[in-house]
């Protein structure tokens, strides 16, 4: 396992919808999400 710190970043709703559509088309995009975070390397 890496000892590199984990960096969390805010993610816009549109980016989340695009990510879900691209990688998880079998799932519907989130509806009325309050917030989203992503991992930055």
PDB file of N, CA and C in Angstrom:
ATOM      1  N   UNK A   1       0.839  -1.180   0.000  1.00  0.00           N
ATOM      2  CA  UNK A   1       0.000   0.000   0.000  1.00  0.00           C
ATOM      3  C   UNK A   1       0.883   1.242   0.000  1.00  0.00           C
ATOM      4  N   UNK A   2       0.414   2.282  -0.628  1.00  0.00           N
ATOM      5  CA  UNK A   2       1.173   3.518  -0.741  1.00  0.00           C
ATOM      6  C   UNK A   2       1.021   4.373   0.510  1.00  0.00           C
ATOM      7  N   UNK A   3       2.078   5.098   0.827  1.00  0.00           N
ATOM      8  CA  UNK A   3       2.033   6.032   1.957  1.00  0.00           C
ATOM      9  C   UNK A   3       1.674   7.439   1.502  1.00  0.00           C
ATOM     10  N   UNK A   4       1.363   7.594   0.222  1.00  0.00           N
ATOM     11  CA  UNK A   4       1.000   8.908  -0.306  1.00  0.00           C
ATOM     12  C   UNK A   4      -0.305   9.380   0.331  1.00  0.00           C
ATOM     13  N   UNK A   5      -0.383  10.670   0.674  1.00  0.00           N
ATOM     14  CA  UNK A   5      -1.617  11.179   1.278  1.00  0.00           C
ATOM     15  C   UNK A   5      -2.773  11.173   0.279  1.00  0.00           C
ATOM     16  N   UNK A   6      -3.945  11.024   0.792  1.00  0.00           N
ATOM     17  CA  UNK A   6      -5.154  11.043  -0.023  1.00  0.00           C
ATOM     18  C   UNK A   6      -5.659  12.477  -0.098  1.00  0.00           C
ATOM     19  N   UNK A   7      -5.836  12.996  -1.310  1.00  0.00           N
ATOM     20  CA  UNK A   7      -6.318  14.363  -1.507  1.00  0.00           C
ATOM     21  C   UNK A   7      -7.740  14.297  -2.055  1.00  0.00           C
ATOM     22  N   UNK A   8      -8.679  14.859  -1.320  1.00  0.00           N
ATOM     23  CA  UNK A   8     -10.060  14.906  -1.765  1.00  0.00           C
ATOM     24  C   UNK A   8     -10.335  16.272  -2.384  1.00  0.00           C
ATOM     25  N   UNK A   9     -11.073  16.260  -3.473  1.00  0.00           N
ATOM     26  CA  UNK A   9     -11.385  17.508  -4.173  1.00  0.00           C
ATOM     27  C   UNK A   9     -12.875  17.572  -4.451  1.00  0.00           C
ATOM     28  N   UNK A  10     -13.468  18.762  -4.461  1.00  0.00           N
ATOM     29  CA  UNK A  10     -14.886  18.880  -4.800  1.00  0.00           C
ATOM     30  C   UNK A  10     -15.094  18.560  -6.280  1.00  0.00           C
ATOM     31  N   UNK A  11     -16.241  17.967  -6.592  1.00  0.00           N
ATOM     32  CA  UNK A  11     -16.559  17.599  -7.965  1.00  0.00           C
ATOM     33  C   UNK A  11     -17.934  18.167  -8.305  1.00  0.00           C
ATOM     34  N   UNK A  12     -18.055  18.804  -9.434  1.00  0.00           N
ATOM     35  CA  UNK A  12     -19.331  19.389  -9.863  1.00  0.00           C
ATOM     36  C   UNK A  12     -20.311  18.295 -10.266  1.00  0.00           C
ATOM     37  N   UNK A  13     -21.585  18.584 -10.094  1.00  0.00           N
ATOM     38  CA  UNK A  13     -22.642  17.618 -10.400  1.00  0.00           C
ATOM     39  C   UNK A  13     -22.548  17.112 -11.835  1.00  0.00           C
ATOM     40  N   UNK A  14     -22.257  18.004 -12.756  1.00  0.00           N
ATOM     41  CA  UNK A  14     -22.165  17.602 -14.168  1.00  0.00           C
ATOM     42  C   UNK A  14     -21.028  16.608 -14.394  1.00  0.00           C
ATOM     43  N   UNK A  15     -19.909  16.811 -13.706  1.00  0.00           N
ATOM     44  CA  UNK A  15     -18.788  15.887 -13.822  1.00  0.00           C
ATOM     45  C   UNK A  15     -19.161  14.511 -13.289  1.00  0.00           C
ATOM     46  N   UNK A  16     -19.923  14.483 -12.197  1.00  0.00           N
ATOM     47  CA  UNK A  16     -20.369  13.211 -11.630  1.00  0.00           C
ATOM     48  C   UNK A  16     -21.280  12.495 -12.619  1.00  0.00           C
ATOM     49  N   UNK A  17     -22.222  13.224 -13.194  1.00  0.00           N
ATOM     50  CA  UNK A  17     -23.133  12.616 -14.172  1.00  0.00           C
ATOM     51  C   UNK A  17     -22.357  12.061 -15.357  1.00  0.00           C
ATOM     52  N   UNK A  18     -21.376  12.801 -15.863  1.00  0.00           N
ATOM     53  CA  UNK A  18     -20.566  12.335 -16.986  1.00  0.00           C
ATOM     54  C   UNK A  18     -19.766  11.091 -16.618  1.00  0.00           C
ATOM     55  N   UNK A  19     -19.205  11.067 -15.414  1.00  0.00           N
ATOM     56  CA  UNK A  19     -18.426   9.917 -14.964  1.00  0.00           C
ATOM     57  C   UNK A  19     -19.300   8.674 -14.883  1.00  0.00           C
ATOM     58  N   UNK A  20     -20.477   8.820 -14.269  1.00  0.00           N
ATOM     59  CA  UNK A  20     -21.391   7.681 -14.147  1.00  0.00           C
ATOM     60  C   UNK A  20     -21.807   7.204 -15.525  1.00  0.00           C
ATOM     61  N   UNK A  21     -22.109   8.103 -16.425  1.00  0.00           N
ATOM     62  CA  UNK A  21     -22.514   7.720 -17.781  1.00  0.00           C
ATOM     63  C   UNK A  21     -21.392   6.971 -18.501  1.00  0.00           C
ATOM     64  N   UNK A  22     -20.151   7.433 -18.332  1.00  0.00           N
ATOM     65  CA  UNK A  22     -19.015   6.822 -19.019  1.00  0.00           C
ATOM     66  C   UNK A  22     -18.644   5.459 -18.450  1.00  0.00           C
ATOM     67  N   UNK A  23     -18.591   5.348 -17.129  1.00  0.00           N
ATOM     68  CA  UNK A  23     -18.058   4.138 -16.505  1.00  0.00           C
ATOM     69  C   UNK A  23     -19.116   3.207 -15.926  1.00  0.00           C
ATOM     70  N   UNK A  24     -20.325   3.694 -15.672  1.00  0.00           N
ATOM     71  CA  UNK A  24     -21.348   2.880 -15.006  1.00  0.00           C
ATOM     72  C   UNK A  24     -22.702   3.082 -15.679  1.00  0.00           C
ATOM     73  N   UNK A  25     -22.742   2.874 -16.984  1.00  0.00           N
ATOM     74  CA  UNK A  25     -23.982   3.123 -17.729  1.00  0.00           C
ATOM     75  C   UNK A  25     -25.160   2.293 -17.240  1.00  0.00           C
ATOM     76  N   UNK A  26     -24.870   1.193 -16.571  1.00  0.00           N
ATOM     77  CA  UNK A  26     -25.940   0.338 -16.063  1.00  0.00           C
ATOM     78  C   UNK A  26     -26.602   0.925 -14.807  1.00  0.00           C
ATOM     79  N   UNK A  27     -26.049   2.025 -14.281  1.00  0.00           N
ATOM     80  CA  UNK A  27     -26.631   2.722 -13.131  1.00  0.00           C
ATOM     81  C   UNK A  27     -27.141   4.086 -13.575  1.00  0.00           C
ATOM     82  N   UNK A  28     -28.244   4.536 -13.016  1.00  0.00           N
ATOM     83  CA  UNK A  28     -28.700   5.896 -13.344  1.00  0.00           C
ATOM     84  C   UNK A  28     -27.800   6.922 -12.645  1.00  0.00           C
ATOM     85  N   UNK A  29     -27.691   8.129 -13.197  1.00  0.00           N
ATOM     86  CA  UNK A  29     -26.886   9.161 -12.518  1.00  0.00           C
ATOM     87  C   UNK A  29     -27.555   9.572 -11.205  1.00  0.00           C
ATOM     88  N   UNK A  30     -26.786  10.124 -10.279  1.00  0.00           N
ATOM     89  CA  UNK A  30     -27.355  10.560  -9.007  1.00  0.00           C
ATOM     90  C   UNK A  30     -28.425  11.633  -9.211  1.00  0.00           C
ATOM     91  N   UNK A  31     -29.439  11.586  -8.373  1.00  0.00           N
ATOM     92  CA  UNK A  31     -30.516  12.559  -8.448  1.00  0.00           C
ATOM     93  C   UNK A  31     -30.468  13.418  -7.191  1.00  0.00           C
ATOM     94  N   UNK A  32     -30.503  14.718  -7.390  1.00  0.00           N
ATOM     95  CA  UNK A  32     -30.510  15.681  -6.277  1.00  0.00           C
ATOM     96  C   UNK A  32     -29.385  15.427  -5.288  1.00  0.00           C
ATOM     97  N   UNK A  33     -28.186  15.282  -5.786  1.00  0.00           N
ATOM     98  CA  UNK A  33     -27.061  15.062  -4.881  1.00  0.00           C
ATOM     99  C   UNK A  33     -26.752  16.337  -4.115  1.00  0.00           C
ATOM    100  N   UNK A  34     -26.253  16.194  -2.920  1.00  0.00           N
ATOM    101  CA  UNK A  34     -25.915  17.339  -2.084  1.00  0.00           C
ATOM    102  C   UNK A  34     -24.468  17.753  -2.327  1.00  0.00           C
ATOM    103  N   UNK A  35     -23.558  16.802  -2.380  1.00  0.00           N
ATOM    104  CA  UNK A  35     -22.167  17.093  -2.659  1.00  0.00           C
ATOM    105  C   UNK A  35     -21.502  15.859  -3.241  1.00  0.00           C
ATOM    106  N   UNK A  36     -20.351  16.065  -3.838  1.00  0.00           N
ATOM    107  CA  UNK A  36     -19.556  14.966  -4.353  1.00  0.00           C
ATOM    108  C   UNK A  36     -18.090  15.281  -4.123  1.00  0.00           C
ATOM    109  N   UNK A  37     -17.304  14.253  -3.861  1.00  0.00           N
ATOM    110  CA  UNK A  37     -15.870  14.414  -3.703  1.00  0.00           C
ATOM    111  C   UNK A  37     -15.165  13.429  -4.620  1.00  0.00           C
ATOM    112  N   UNK A  38     -13.986  13.790  -5.018  1.00  0.00           N
ATOM    113  CA  UNK A  38     -13.173  12.925  -5.846  1.00  0.00           C
ATOM    114  C   UNK A  38     -11.777  12.817  -5.251  1.00  0.00           C
ATOM    115  N   UNK A  39     -11.028  11.847  -5.742  1.00  0.00           N
ATOM    116  CA  UNK A  39      -9.653  11.635  -5.293  1.00  0.00           C
ATOM    117  C   UNK A  39      -8.706  12.219  -6.319  1.00  0.00           C
ATOM    118  N   UNK A  40      -7.749  12.975  -5.858  1.00  0.00           N
ATOM    119  CA  UNK A  40      -6.742  13.568  -6.733  1.00  0.00           C
ATOM    120  C   UNK A  40      -5.395  12.921  -6.404  1.00  0.00           C
ATOM    121  N   UNK A  41      -4.642  12.565  -7.440  1.00  0.00           N
ATOM    122  CA  UNK A  41      -3.338  11.940  -7.175  1.00  0.00           C
ATOM    123  C   UNK A  41      -2.213  12.939  -7.233  1.00  0.00           C
TER     124      UNK A  41
END
